[in-house]
C-alpha atoms as a PDB file:
ATOM      1  CA  MET A   1      -9.370  13.264 -12.655  1.00  0.00           C
ATOM      2  CA  PHE A   2     -10.551   9.653 -12.535  1.00  0.00           C
ATOM      3  CA  ASN A   3      -8.718   8.701 -15.723  1.00  0.00           C
ATOM      4  CA  ASN A   4      -5.502  10.287 -14.441  1.00  0.00           C
ATOM      5  CA  VAL A   5      -5.646   8.267 -11.221  1.00  0.00           C
ATOM      6  CA  LYS A   6      -6.373   5.056 -13.126  1.00  0.00           C
ATOM      7  CA  ASN A   7      -3.499   5.695 -15.565  1.00  0.00           C
ATOM      8  CA  ALA A   8      -1.092   6.477 -12.719  1.00  0.00           C
ATOM      9  CA  ILE A   9      -1.903   3.169 -11.012  1.00  0.00           C
ATOM     10  CA  GLN A  10      -1.499   1.227 -14.248  1.00  0.00           C
ATOM     11  CA  LYS A  11       1.841   2.898 -15.018  1.00  0.00           C
ATOM     12  CA  ARG A  12       3.182   2.111 -11.533  1.00  0.00           C
ATOM     13  CA  PHE A  13       2.866  -1.643 -12.003  1.00  0.00           C
ATOM     14  CA  PRO A  14       4.276  -4.242 -12.501  1.00  0.00           C
ATOM     15  CA  LEU A  15       6.757  -4.265  -9.635  1.00  0.00           C
ATOM     16  CA  TYR A  16       9.382  -6.959  -9.708  1.00  0.00           C
ATOM     17  CA  ASN A  17      12.442  -8.428  -8.044  1.00  0.00           C
ATOM     18  CA  ASP A  18      14.587 -11.507  -8.750  1.00  0.00           C
ATOM     19  CA  ARG A  19      11.882 -13.964  -7.678  1.00  0.00           C
ATOM     20  CA  TYR A  20       8.470 -12.402  -8.293  1.00  0.00           C
ATOM     21  CA  THR A  21       6.524  -9.920 -10.390  1.00  0.00           C
ATOM     22  CA  LEU A  22       3.487  -8.144  -8.891  1.00  0.00           C
ATOM     23  CA  ALA A  23       0.960  -6.773 -11.351  1.00  0.00           C
ATOM     24  CA  ILE A  24      -2.582  -5.430 -11.345  1.00  0.00           C
ATOM     25  CA  GLU A  25      -5.107  -6.612 -13.920  1.00  0.00           C
ATOM     26  CA  ASP A  26      -8.670  -5.611 -14.766  1.00  0.00           C
ATOM     27  CA  VAL A  27      -8.318  -2.102 -13.287  1.00  0.00           C
ATOM     28  CA  ASP A  28     -11.529  -0.090 -13.564  1.00  0.00           C
ATOM     29  CA  TYR A  29     -14.140   1.827 -11.572  1.00  0.00           C
ATOM     30  CA  ASP A  30     -17.299   0.129 -10.305  1.00  0.00           C
ATOM     31  CA  ASP A  31     -19.226   3.254  -9.367  1.00  0.00           C
ATOM     32  CA  PRO A  32     -20.991   5.666 -11.759  1.00  0.00           C
ATOM     33  CA  ASP A  33     -19.164   8.636 -13.301  1.00  0.00           C
ATOM     34  CA  ASP A  34     -21.179  11.294 -11.501  1.00  0.00           C
ATOM     35  CA  ILE A  35     -23.016  11.647  -8.216  1.00  0.00           C
ATOM     36  CA  SER A  36     -26.430  13.234  -7.734  1.00  0.00           C
ATOM     37  CA  ILE A  37     -27.180  16.205  -5.510  1.00  0.00           C
ATOM     38  CA  GLN A  38     -29.373  13.930  -3.360  1.00  0.00           C
ATOM     39  CA  ASP A  39     -26.457  11.529  -2.793  1.00  0.00           C
ATOM     40  CA  GLN A  40     -24.183  14.463  -1.887  1.00  0.00           C
ATOM     41  CA  LYS A  41     -26.730  15.734   0.639  1.00  0.00           C
ATOM     42  CA  ARG A  42     -27.157  12.237   2.090  1.00  0.00           C
ATOM     43  CA  ALA A  43     -23.372  11.916   2.507  1.00  0.00           C
ATOM     44  CA  ILE A  44     -23.201  15.215   4.386  1.00  0.00           C
ATOM     45  CA  LEU A  45     -26.135  14.359   6.665  1.00  0.00           C
ATOM     46  CA  GLU A  46     -24.942  10.809   7.379  1.00  0.00           C
ATOM     47  CA  GLY A  47     -21.280  11.727   7.823  1.00  0.00           C
ATOM     48  CA  THR A  48     -19.978   9.622   4.929  1.00  0.00           C
ATOM     49  CA  SER A  49     -17.701  10.374   1.968  1.00  0.00           C
ATOM     50  CA  CYS A  50     -18.401  10.658  -1.748  1.00  0.00           C
ATOM     51  CA  THR A  51     -15.830   8.445  -3.421  1.00  0.00           C
ATOM     52  CA  ARG A  52     -15.493   6.216  -6.445  1.00  0.00           C
ATOM     53  CA  ARG A  53     -13.944   2.764  -5.963  1.00  0.00           C
ATOM     54  CA  LEU A  54     -11.015   1.867  -8.208  1.00  0.00           C
ATOM     55  CA  ARG A  55     -10.950  -1.931  -8.320  1.00  0.00           C
ATOM     56  CA  GLY A  56      -8.614  -4.532  -9.746  1.00  0.00           C
ATOM     57  CA  THR A  57      -7.021  -7.942  -9.338  1.00  0.00           C
ATOM     58  CA  TRP A  58      -3.528  -8.459  -7.860  1.00  0.00           C
ATOM     59  CA  VAL A  59      -1.465 -11.083  -9.694  1.00  0.00           C
ATOM     60  CA  LEU A  60       1.815 -12.480  -8.362  1.00  0.00           C
ATOM     61  CA  ARG A  61       3.947 -14.296 -10.946  1.00  0.00           C
ATOM     62  CA  ASP A  62       7.188 -16.229 -10.798  1.00  0.00           C
ATOM     63  CA  ALA A  63       9.832 -14.031 -12.463  1.00  0.00           C
ATOM     64  CA  LYS A  64      11.652 -16.912 -14.166  1.00  0.00           C
ATOM     65  CA  THR A  65       8.766 -19.017 -15.459  1.00  0.00           C
ATOM     66  CA  ASP A  66       6.020 -16.347 -15.626  1.00  0.00           C
ATOM     67  CA  ASP A  67       3.622 -18.802 -13.950  1.00  0.00           C
ATOM     68  CA  VAL A  68       0.902 -17.351 -11.723  1.00  0.00           C
ATOM     69  CA  VAL A  69       1.808 -17.976  -8.082  1.00  0.00           C
ATOM     70  CA  SER A  70      -1.185 -16.199  -6.574  1.00  0.00           C
ATOM     71  CA  ARG A  71      -4.195 -14.210  -7.743  1.00  0.00           C
ATOM     72  CA  THR A  72      -6.654 -12.282  -5.570  1.00  0.00           C
ATOM     73  CA  ARG A  73     -10.313 -11.777  -6.159  1.00  0.00           C
ATOM     74  CA  ARG A  74     -11.310  -8.409  -7.621  1.00  0.00           C
ATOM     75  CA  MET A  75     -10.899  -5.929  -4.789  1.00  0.00           C
ATOM     76  CA  THR A  76     -10.892  -2.202  -4.065  1.00  0.00           C
ATOM     77  CA  LEU A  77      -7.468  -0.679  -4.693  1.00  0.00           C
ATOM     78  CA  MET A  78      -8.381   2.831  -3.569  1.00  0.00           C
ATOM     79  CA  ASN A  79     -11.267   5.235  -3.039  1.00  0.00           C
ATOM     80  CA  VAL A  80     -10.936   8.261  -5.319  1.00  0.00           C
ATOM     81  CA  PRO A  81     -12.888  11.328  -4.099  1.00  0.00           C
ATOM     82  CA  TYR A  82     -15.552  12.879  -6.308  1.00  0.00           C
ATOM     83  CA  ILE A  83     -15.252  16.530  -7.220  1.00  0.00           C
ATOM     84  CA  THR A  84     -18.720  18.056  -6.995  1.00  0.00           C
ATOM     85  CA  ASP A  85     -20.091  20.608  -9.447  1.00  0.00           C
ATOM     86  CA  ARG A  86     -19.200  23.257  -6.861  1.00  0.00           C
ATOM     87  CA  GLY A  87     -15.521  22.240  -6.991  1.00  0.00           C
ATOM     88  CA  THR A  88     -15.598  20.651  -3.542  1.00  0.00           C
ATOM     89  CA  PHE A  89     -14.941  17.223  -1.996  1.00  0.00           C
ATOM     90  CA  ILE A  90     -17.203  15.557   0.571  1.00  0.00           C
ATOM     91  CA  ARG A  91     -15.292  13.556   3.182  1.00  0.00           C
ATOM     92  CA  ASN A  92     -16.755  12.191   6.426  1.00  0.00           C
ATOM     93  CA  GLY A  93     -19.784  14.474   6.120  1.00  0.00           C
ATOM     94  CA  HIS A  94     -17.773  17.662   5.632  1.00  0.00           C
ATOM     95  CA  GLU A  95     -17.512  19.578   2.388  1.00  0.00           C
ATOM     96  CA  TYR A  96     -14.007  20.810   1.619  1.00  0.00           C
ATOM     97  CA  ALA A  97     -13.223  23.545  -0.888  1.00  0.00           C
ATOM     98  CA  PHE A  98      -9.730  24.170  -2.172  1.00  0.00           C
ATOM     99  CA  SER A  99     -10.241  27.447  -3.961  1.00  0.00           C
ATOM    100  CA  ASN A 100      -7.039  29.120  -2.761  1.00  0.00           C
ATOM    101  CA  ILE A 101      -4.542  26.405  -3.607  1.00  0.00           C
ATOM    102  CA  MET A 102      -3.839  27.473  -7.163  1.00  0.00           C
ATOM    103  CA  ARG A 103      -0.118  27.700  -7.804  1.00  0.00           C
ATOM    104  CA  MET A 104       1.417  31.014  -8.702  1.00  0.00           C
ATOM    105  CA  GLU A 105       3.350  31.530 -11.895  1.00  0.00           C
ATOM    106  CA  PRO A 106       7.109  31.476 -11.408  1.00  0.00           C
ATOM    107  CA  GLY A 107       8.689  34.910 -11.210  1.00  0.00           C
ATOM    108  CA  VAL A 108       9.172  37.930  -8.989  1.00  0.00           C
ATOM    109  CA  TYR A 109       6.201  39.328  -7.088  1.00  0.00           C
ATOM    110  CA  THR A 110       6.157  42.794  -5.532  1.00  0.00           C
ATOM    111  CA  LYS A 111       3.654  44.942  -3.655  1.00  0.00           C
ATOM    112  CA  GLN A 112       3.197  48.551  -4.605  1.00  0.00           C
ATOM    113  CA  ARG A 113       2.690  50.960  -1.766  1.00  0.00           C
ATOM    114  CA  SER A 114       1.948  54.653  -1.770  1.00  0.00           C
END
C-alpha cells in the first residue's frame, strides 16, 4: 500500500500553468516499514494514530526559464495509515476493521427461496 501511495503522489506532479511549475522532489517515507504490537497497543491506550509520514520537498520553478523560484524544507506531505497484521487501521485510539467492504463481482445476483 505504501508504494502505491508514493507512486500516486509522484505521478500527480508536476503541476504547471503559464508562469510556474510546482513539483515535489525527494519523496520518501521517514518511518519504519512495520509497527510493533507494543506500539499499536500504546496508540490505542494513548488515543493516537498509527501512520507513516510521506515526506518531500516542494519546488516552485519559473515555467519559462526553469529557474527555482522557491524551495521548501523537507516536510510531511501526508500521513499514510498502517494496516496491522489483523487487517485493521488504528486512528485516534480506535481500531477500525473494514472486512465487509469487498466489492462484488459484476453480474446479476438473486436469492433463492423455498
